[in-house]
Structure formats: structure tokens, C-alpha cells
Amino acid sequence: MTKIEKYVIEKVKEKRDAAGWSQILLSQKLSMSDSFVSHVETPKRRAKYNLNHLNALAKIFKCSPKDFFPEKPL
């Protein structure tokens, strides 16, 4: 997993935790399989968020897709 992938995943996880949502609930809000977010958050898995996921997550969390990225390159 690259630094940027890890950063994005952690940002999504922070927002998920702040909302009090389970991995399953967020997966369902994304219209993905119940295990999708769990797979993304598990470093040994290959699942990652793509740009379409991040756009959908921004809609779900009512924020900008930019909120999932660092201010400067890693």
C-alpha cells in the first residue's frame, strides 16, 4: 500500500468513525458488498477506493473530494 492510499483510507475511516457508522453501513451507502469497506481498510487486501468511490463518499459525508487528500504531495 502506498502512502497516498493509506492517507486516503485513514481519512475516510476518520469520517466514518466520526459519523458512528460501521464498515457494513458505509459499504451499503456506497452500494457495494457488505465487506467492501472492511477489505479497503485491511492493509493486506487489494481493495482500494477509486475516484468514483471518493466522489460518492464526498456526497455521503457532504464534503469535498479534496477532503480525502493531503494538502501537499506525500
PDB file of N, CA and C in Angstrom:
ATOM      1  N   MET A   1       0.858  -1.178   0.000  1.00  0.00           N
ATOM      2  CA  MET A   1       0.000   0.000   0.000  1.00  0.00           C
ATOM      3  C   MET A   1       0.902   1.238   0.000  1.00  0.00           C
ATOM      4  N   THR A   2       0.563   2.187  -0.849  1.00  0.00           N
ATOM      5  CA  THR A   2       1.356   3.407  -0.935  1.00  0.00           C
ATOM      6  C   THR A   2       0.960   4.391   0.173  1.00  0.00           C
ATOM      7  N   LYS A   3       1.775   5.414   0.362  1.00  0.00           N
ATOM      8  CA  LYS A   3       1.482   6.426   1.385  1.00  0.00           C
ATOM      9  C   LYS A   3       0.171   7.154   1.096  1.00  0.00           C
ATOM     10  N   ILE A   4      -0.052   7.479  -0.169  1.00  0.00           N
ATOM     11  CA  ILE A   4      -1.278   8.209  -0.520  1.00  0.00           C
ATOM     12  C   ILE A   4      -2.506   7.328  -0.319  1.00  0.00           C
ATOM     13  N   GLU A   5      -2.417   6.051  -0.662  1.00  0.00           N
ATOM     14  CA  GLU A   5      -3.546   5.139  -0.449  1.00  0.00           C
ATOM     15  C   GLU A   5      -3.856   5.043   1.043  1.00  0.00           C
ATOM     16  N   LYS A   6      -2.822   4.896   1.852  1.00  0.00           N
ATOM     17  CA  LYS A   6      -3.008   4.777   3.299  1.00  0.00           C
ATOM     18  C   LYS A   6      -3.639   6.061   3.859  1.00  0.00           C
ATOM     19  N   TYR A   7      -3.173   7.220   3.384  1.00  0.00           N
ATOM     20  CA  TYR A   7      -3.702   8.504   3.840  1.00  0.00           C
ATOM     21  C   TYR A   7      -5.194   8.618   3.532  1.00  0.00           C
ATOM     22  N   VAL A   8      -5.565   8.323   2.295  1.00  0.00           N
ATOM     23  CA  VAL A   8      -6.970   8.428   1.874  1.00  0.00           C
ATOM     24  C   VAL A   8      -7.844   7.475   2.690  1.00  0.00           C
ATOM     25  N   ILE A   9      -7.394   6.248   2.845  1.00  0.00           N
ATOM     26  CA  ILE A   9      -8.166   5.264   3.603  1.00  0.00           C
ATOM     27  C   ILE A   9      -8.360   5.743   5.047  1.00  0.00           C
ATOM     28  N   GLU A  10      -7.315   6.293   5.650  1.00  0.00           N
ATOM     29  CA  GLU A  10      -7.426   6.793   7.026  1.00  0.00           C
ATOM     30  C   GLU A  10      -8.391   7.972   7.122  1.00  0.00           C
ATOM     31  N   LYS A  11      -8.372   8.861   6.130  1.00  0.00           N
ATOM     32  CA  LYS A  11      -9.301   9.999   6.133  1.00  0.00           C
ATOM     33  C   LYS A  11     -10.753   9.527   6.061  1.00  0.00           C
ATOM     34  N   VAL A  12     -11.016   8.553   5.192  1.00  0.00           N
ATOM     35  CA  VAL A  12     -12.375   8.011   5.088  1.00  0.00           C
ATOM     36  C   VAL A  12     -12.761   7.344   6.401  1.00  0.00           C
ATOM     37  N   LYS A  13     -11.830   6.590   6.980  1.00  0.00           N
ATOM     38  CA  LYS A  13     -12.110   5.907   8.246  1.00  0.00           C
ATOM     39  C   LYS A  13     -12.417   6.922   9.355  1.00  0.00           C
ATOM     40  N   GLU A  14     -11.672   8.031   9.389  1.00  0.00           N
ATOM     41  CA  GLU A  14     -11.937   9.080  10.386  1.00  0.00           C
ATOM     42  C   GLU A  14     -13.360   9.616  10.239  1.00  0.00           C
ATOM     43  N   LYS A  15     -13.769   9.874   9.014  1.00  0.00           N
ATOM     44  CA  LYS A  15     -15.124  10.397   8.779  1.00  0.00           C
ATOM     45  C   LYS A  15     -16.174   9.346   9.141  1.00  0.00           C
ATOM     46  N   ARG A  16     -15.891   8.093   8.818  1.00  0.00           N
ATOM     47  CA  ARG A  16     -16.818   7.001   9.146  1.00  0.00           C
ATOM     48  C   ARG A  16     -16.970   6.882  10.660  1.00  0.00           C
ATOM     49  N   ASP A  17     -15.833   6.905  11.362  1.00  0.00           N
ATOM     50  CA  ASP A  17     -15.866   6.800  12.826  1.00  0.00           C
ATOM     51  C   ASP A  17     -16.585   7.999  13.451  1.00  0.00           C
ATOM     52  N   ALA A  18     -16.326   9.197  12.927  1.00  0.00           N
ATOM     53  CA  ALA A  18     -16.974  10.405  13.454  1.00  0.00           C
ATOM     54  C   ALA A  18     -18.493  10.342  13.278  1.00  0.00           C
ATOM     55  N   ALA A  19     -18.934   9.696  12.199  1.00  0.00           N
ATOM     56  CA  ALA A  19     -20.375   9.547  11.953  1.00  0.00           C
ATOM     57  C   ALA A  19     -20.977   8.406  12.774  1.00  0.00           C
ATOM     58  N   GLY A  20     -20.108   7.580  13.375  1.00  0.00           N
ATOM     59  CA  GLY A  20     -20.583   6.446  14.167  1.00  0.00           C
ATOM     60  C   GLY A  20     -21.092   5.294  13.306  1.00  0.00           C
ATOM     61  N   TRP A  21     -20.591   5.203  12.087  1.00  0.00           N
ATOM     62  CA  TRP A  21     -21.049   4.173  11.147  1.00  0.00           C
ATOM     63  C   TRP A  21     -20.125   2.971  11.131  1.00  0.00           C
ATOM     64  N   SER A  22     -20.719   1.816  10.973  1.00  0.00           N
ATOM     65  CA  SER A  22     -19.939   0.589  10.822  1.00  0.00           C
ATOM     66  C   SER A  22     -19.397   0.500   9.397  1.00  0.00           C
ATOM     67  N   GLN A  23     -18.459  -0.397   9.207  1.00  0.00           N
ATOM     68  CA  GLN A  23     -17.935  -0.658   7.861  1.00  0.00           C
ATOM     69  C   GLN A  23     -19.055  -1.152   6.952  1.00  0.00           C
ATOM     70  N   ILE A  24     -19.920  -1.986   7.484  1.00  0.00           N
ATOM     71  CA  ILE A  24     -21.031  -2.533   6.688  1.00  0.00           C
ATOM     72  C   ILE A  24     -21.976  -1.418   6.247  1.00  0.00           C
ATOM     73  N   LEU A  25     -22.319  -0.515   7.157  1.00  0.00           N
ATOM     74  CA  LEU A  25     -23.241   0.568   6.812  1.00  0.00           C
ATOM     75  C   LEU A  25     -22.658   1.448   5.708  1.00  0.00           C
ATOM     76  N   LEU A  26     -21.372   1.807   5.825  1.00  0.00           N
ATOM     77  CA  LEU A  26     -20.767   2.630   4.782  1.00  0.00           C
ATOM     78  C   LEU A  26     -20.706   1.877   3.457  1.00  0.00           C
ATOM     79  N   SER A  27     -20.414   0.603   3.495  1.00  0.00           N
ATOM     80  CA  SER A  27     -20.423  -0.213   2.273  1.00  0.00           C
ATOM     81  C   SER A  27     -21.795  -0.159   1.609  1.00  0.00           C
ATOM     82  N   GLN A  28     -22.837  -0.266   2.411  1.00  0.00           N
ATOM     83  CA  GLN A  28     -24.199  -0.226   1.882  1.00  0.00           C
ATOM     84  C   GLN A  28     -24.531   1.153   1.308  1.00  0.00           C
ATOM     85  N   LYS A  29     -24.078   2.210   1.967  1.00  0.00           N
ATOM     86  CA  LYS A  29     -24.318   3.563   1.457  1.00  0.00           C
ATOM     87  C   LYS A  29     -23.615   3.777   0.116  1.00  0.00           C
ATOM     88  N   LEU A  30     -22.513   3.045  -0.100  1.00  0.00           N
ATOM     89  CA  LEU A  30     -21.784   3.103  -1.373  1.00  0.00           C
ATOM     90  C   LEU A  30     -22.369   2.156  -2.418  1.00  0.00           C
ATOM     91  N   SER A  31     -23.386   1.386  -2.026  1.00  0.00           N
ATOM     92  CA  SER A  31     -23.983   0.362  -2.892  1.00  0.00           C
ATOM     93  C   SER A  31     -22.958  -0.688  -3.304  1.00  0.00           C
ATOM     94  N   MET A  32     -22.097  -1.041  -2.346  1.00  0.00           N
ATOM     95  CA  MET A  32     -21.091  -2.072  -2.571  1.00  0.00           C
ATOM     96  C   MET A  32     -21.427  -3.268  -1.680  1.00  0.00           C
ATOM     97  N   SER A  33     -20.665  -4.345  -1.832  1.00  0.00           N
ATOM     98  CA  SER A  33     -20.883  -5.513  -0.978  1.00  0.00           C
ATOM     99  C   SER A  33     -20.625  -5.122   0.481  1.00  0.00           C
ATOM    100  N   ASP A  34     -21.255  -5.828   1.406  1.00  0.00           N
ATOM    101  CA  ASP A  34     -21.136  -5.508   2.831  1.00  0.00           C
ATOM    102  C   ASP A  34     -19.681  -5.519   3.319  1.00  0.00           C
ATOM    103  N   SER A  35     -18.824  -6.276   2.659  1.00  0.00           N
ATOM    104  CA  SER A  35     -17.437  -6.404   3.108  1.00  0.00           C
ATOM    105  C   SER A  35     -16.486  -5.417   2.422  1.00  0.00           C
ATOM    106  N   PHE A  36     -16.985  -4.569   1.518  1.00  0.00           N
ATOM    107  CA  PHE A  36     -16.103  -3.701   0.741  1.00  0.00           C
ATOM    108  C   PHE A  36     -15.230  -2.796   1.607  1.00  0.00           C
ATOM    109  N   VAL A  37     -15.821  -2.033   2.503  1.00  0.00           N
ATOM    110  CA  VAL A  37     -15.052  -1.102   3.327  1.00  0.00           C
ATOM    111  C   VAL A  37     -14.082  -1.868   4.227  1.00  0.00           C
ATOM    112  N   SER A  38     -14.500  -2.995   4.734  1.00  0.00           N
ATOM    113  CA  SER A  38     -13.606  -3.833   5.533  1.00  0.00           C
ATOM    114  C   SER A  38     -12.386  -4.245   4.720  1.00  0.00           C
ATOM    115  N   HIS A  39     -12.604  -4.633   3.482  1.00  0.00           N
ATOM    116  CA  HIS A  39     -11.486  -5.030   2.616  1.00  0.00           C
ATOM    117  C   HIS A  39     -10.565  -3.848   2.328  1.00  0.00           C
ATOM    118  N   VAL A  40     -11.132  -2.670   2.125  1.00  0.00           N
ATOM    119  CA  VAL A  40     -10.311  -1.486   1.862  1.00  0.00           C
ATOM    120  C   VAL A  40      -9.473  -1.137   3.090  1.00  0.00           C
ATOM    121  N   GLU A  41     -10.064  -1.241   4.260  1.00  0.00           N
ATOM    122  CA  GLU A  41      -9.372  -0.850   5.489  1.00  0.00           C
ATOM    123  C   GLU A  41      -8.386  -1.905   5.989  1.00  0.00           C
ATOM    124  N   THR A  42      -8.367  -3.084   5.384  1.00  0.00           N
ATOM    125  CA  THR A  42      -7.424  -4.134   5.744  1.00  0.00           C
ATOM    126  C   THR A  42      -6.206  -4.030   4.825  1.00  0.00           C
ATOM    127  N   PRO A  43      -5.041  -3.674   5.364  1.00  0.00           N
ATOM    128  CA  PRO A  43      -3.860  -3.435   4.527  1.00  0.00           C
ATOM    129  C   PRO A  43      -3.454  -4.599   3.615  1.00  0.00           C
ATOM    130  N   LYS A  44      -3.709  -5.827   4.023  1.00  0.00           N
ATOM    131  CA  LYS A  44      -3.290  -6.968   3.203  1.00  0.00           C
ATOM    132  C   LYS A  44      -4.198  -7.214   2.005  1.00  0.00           C
ATOM    133  N   ARG A  45      -5.341  -6.572   1.985  1.00  0.00           N
ATOM    134  CA  ARG A  45      -6.274  -6.726   0.870  1.00  0.00           C
ATOM    135  C   ARG A  45      -5.920  -5.777  -0.258  1.00  0.00           C
ATOM    136  N   ARG A  46      -6.326  -6.116  -1.471  1.00  0.00           N
ATOM    137  CA  ARG A  46      -6.023  -5.277  -2.630  1.00  0.00           C
ATOM    138  C   ARG A  46      -7.081  -4.213  -2.890  1.00  0.00           C
ATOM    139  N   ALA A  47      -8.226  -4.305  -2.251  1.00  0.00           N
ATOM    140  CA  ALA A  47      -9.307  -3.342  -2.489  1.00  0.00           C
ATOM    141  C   ALA A  47      -8.872  -1.948  -2.071  1.00  0.00           C
ATOM    142  N   LYS A  48      -9.172  -0.977  -2.910  1.00  0.00           N
ATOM    143  CA  LYS A  48      -8.850   0.423  -2.636  1.00  0.00           C
ATOM    144  C   LYS A  48     -10.012   1.284  -3.131  1.00  0.00           C
ATOM    145  N   TYR A  49     -10.068   2.511  -2.636  1.00  0.00           N
ATOM    146  CA  TYR A  49     -11.054   3.451  -3.147  1.00  0.00           C
ATOM    147  C   TYR A  49     -10.545   4.017  -4.469  1.00  0.00           C
ATOM    148  N   ASN A  50     -11.438   4.155  -5.446  1.00  0.00           N
ATOM    149  CA  ASN A  50     -11.068   4.828  -6.689  1.00  0.00           C
ATOM    150  C   ASN A  50     -11.719   6.212  -6.694  1.00  0.00           C
ATOM    151  N   LEU A  51     -11.512   6.956  -7.759  1.00  0.00           N
ATOM    152  CA  LEU A  51     -12.054   8.316  -7.805  1.00  0.00           C
ATOM    153  C   LEU A  51     -13.573   8.341  -7.740  1.00  0.00           C
ATOM    154  N   ASN A  52     -14.222   7.363  -8.344  1.00  0.00           N
ATOM    155  CA  ASN A  52     -15.688   7.303  -8.272  1.00  0.00           C
ATOM    156  C   ASN A  52     -16.144   7.047  -6.842  1.00  0.00           C
ATOM    157  N   HIS A  53     -15.432   6.178  -6.123  1.00  0.00           N
ATOM    158  CA  HIS A  53     -15.772   5.930  -4.717  1.00  0.00           C
ATOM    159  C   HIS A  53     -15.615   7.214  -3.914  1.00  0.00           C
ATOM    160  N   LEU A  54     -14.494   7.932  -4.137  1.00  0.00           N
ATOM    161  CA  LEU A  54     -14.246   9.149  -3.370  1.00  0.00           C
ATOM    162  C   LEU A  54     -15.279  10.223  -3.665  1.00  0.00           C
ATOM    163  N   ASN A  55     -15.733  10.291  -4.891  1.00  0.00           N
ATOM    164  CA  ASN A  55     -16.795  11.242  -5.230  1.00  0.00           C
ATOM    165  C   ASN A  55     -18.095  10.871  -4.507  1.00  0.00           C
ATOM    166  N   ALA A  56     -18.416   9.581  -4.497  1.00  0.00           N
ATOM    167  CA  ALA A  56     -19.612   9.113  -3.798  1.00  0.00           C
ATOM    168  C   ALA A  56     -19.478   9.338  -2.290  1.00  0.00           C
ATOM    169  N   LEU A  57     -18.292   9.090  -1.750  1.00  0.00           N
ATOM    170  CA  LEU A  57     -18.064   9.319  -0.325  1.00  0.00           C
ATOM    171  C   LEU A  57     -18.224  10.790   0.032  1.00  0.00           C
ATOM    172  N   ALA A  58     -17.771  11.671  -0.836  1.00  0.00           N
ATOM    173  CA  ALA A  58     -17.930  13.105  -0.597  1.00  0.00           C
ATOM    174  C   ALA A  58     -19.413  13.475  -0.535  1.00  0.00           C
ATOM    175  N   LYS A  59     -20.226  12.869  -1.401  1.00  0.00           N
ATOM    176  CA  LYS A  59     -21.668  13.113  -1.356  1.00  0.00           C
ATOM    177  C   LYS A  59     -22.258  12.578  -0.057  1.00  0.00           C
ATOM    178  N   ILE A  60     -21.844  11.384   0.334  1.00  0.00           N
ATOM    179  CA  ILE A  60     -22.360  10.745   1.550  1.00  0.00           C
ATOM    180  C   ILE A  60     -22.007  11.576   2.790  1.00  0.00           C
ATOM    181  N   PHE A  61     -20.744  12.026   2.866  1.00  0.00           N
ATOM    182  CA  PHE A  61     -20.286  12.791   4.030  1.00  0.00           C
ATOM    183  C   PHE A  61     -20.515  14.293   3.893  1.00  0.00           C
ATOM    184  N   LYS A  62     -21.117  14.706   2.749  1.00  0.00           N
ATOM    185  CA  LYS A  62     -21.394  16.120   2.496  1.00  0.00           C
ATOM    186  C   LYS A  62     -20.128  16.969   2.658  1.00  0.00           C
ATOM    187  N   CYS A  63     -19.092  16.583   1.917  1.00  0.00           N
ATOM    188  CA  CYS A  63     -17.826  17.299   1.929  1.00  0.00           C
ATOM    189  C   CYS A  63     -17.268  17.332   0.511  1.00  0.00           C
ATOM    190  N   SER A  64     -16.091  17.831   0.360  1.00  0.00           N
ATOM    191  CA  SER A  64     -15.436  17.862  -0.947  1.00  0.00           C
ATOM    192  C   SER A  64     -14.561  16.622  -1.111  1.00  0.00           C
ATOM    193  N   PRO A  65     -14.415  16.109  -2.321  1.00  0.00           N
ATOM    194  CA  PRO A  65     -13.469  15.006  -2.534  1.00  0.00           C
ATOM    195  C   PRO A  65     -12.057  15.393  -2.093  1.00  0.00           C
ATOM    196  N   LYS A  66     -11.748  16.701  -2.143  1.00  0.00           N
ATOM    197  CA  LYS A  66     -10.424  17.175  -1.710  1.00  0.00           C
ATOM    198  C   LYS A  66     -10.156  16.862  -0.240  1.00  0.00           C
ATOM    199  N   ASP A  67     -11.215  16.708   0.539  1.00  0.00           N
ATOM    200  CA  ASP A  67     -11.054  16.457   1.973  1.00  0.00           C
ATOM    201  C   ASP A  67     -10.395  15.114   2.273  1.00  0.00           C
ATOM    202  N   PHE A  68     -10.312  14.255   1.284  1.00  0.00           N
ATOM    203  CA  PHE A  68      -9.697  12.940   1.478  1.00  0.00           C
ATOM    204  C   PHE A  68      -8.217  12.921   1.092  1.00  0.00           C
ATOM    205  N   PHE A  69      -7.723  14.046   0.567  1.00  0.00           N
ATOM    206  CA  PHE A  69      -6.344  14.122   0.091  1.00  0.00           C
ATOM    207  C   PHE A  69      -5.513  15.057   0.961  1.00  0.00           C
ATOM    208  N   PRO A  70      -4.193  14.797   1.049  1.00  0.00           N
ATOM    209  CA  PRO A  70      -3.332  15.704   1.811  1.00  0.00           C
ATOM    210  C   PRO A  70      -3.179  17.031   1.071  1.00  0.00           C
ATOM    211  N   GLU A  71      -2.811  18.055   1.807  1.00  0.00           N
ATOM    212  CA  GLU A  71      -2.637  19.375   1.201  1.00  0.00           C
ATOM    213  C   GLU A  71      -1.426  19.399   0.260  1.00  0.00           C
ATOM    214  N   LYS A  72      -0.392  18.632   0.627  1.00  0.00           N
ATOM    215  CA  LYS A  72       0.821  18.564  -0.193  1.00  0.00           C
ATOM    216  C   LYS A  72       1.092  17.108  -0.579  1.00  0.00           C
ATOM    217  N   PRO A  73       1.815  16.892  -1.673  1.00  0.00           N
ATOM    218  CA  PRO A  73       2.135  15.517  -2.075  1.00  0.00           C
ATOM    219  C   PRO A  73       2.890  14.767  -0.975  1.00  0.00           C
ATOM    220  N   LEU A  74       2.676  13.483  -0.909  1.00  0.00           N
ATOM    221  CA  LEU A  74       3.382  12.668   0.083  1.00  0.00           C
ATOM    222  C   LEU A  74       4.623  12.047  -0.528  1.00  0.00           C
TER     223      LEU A  74
END
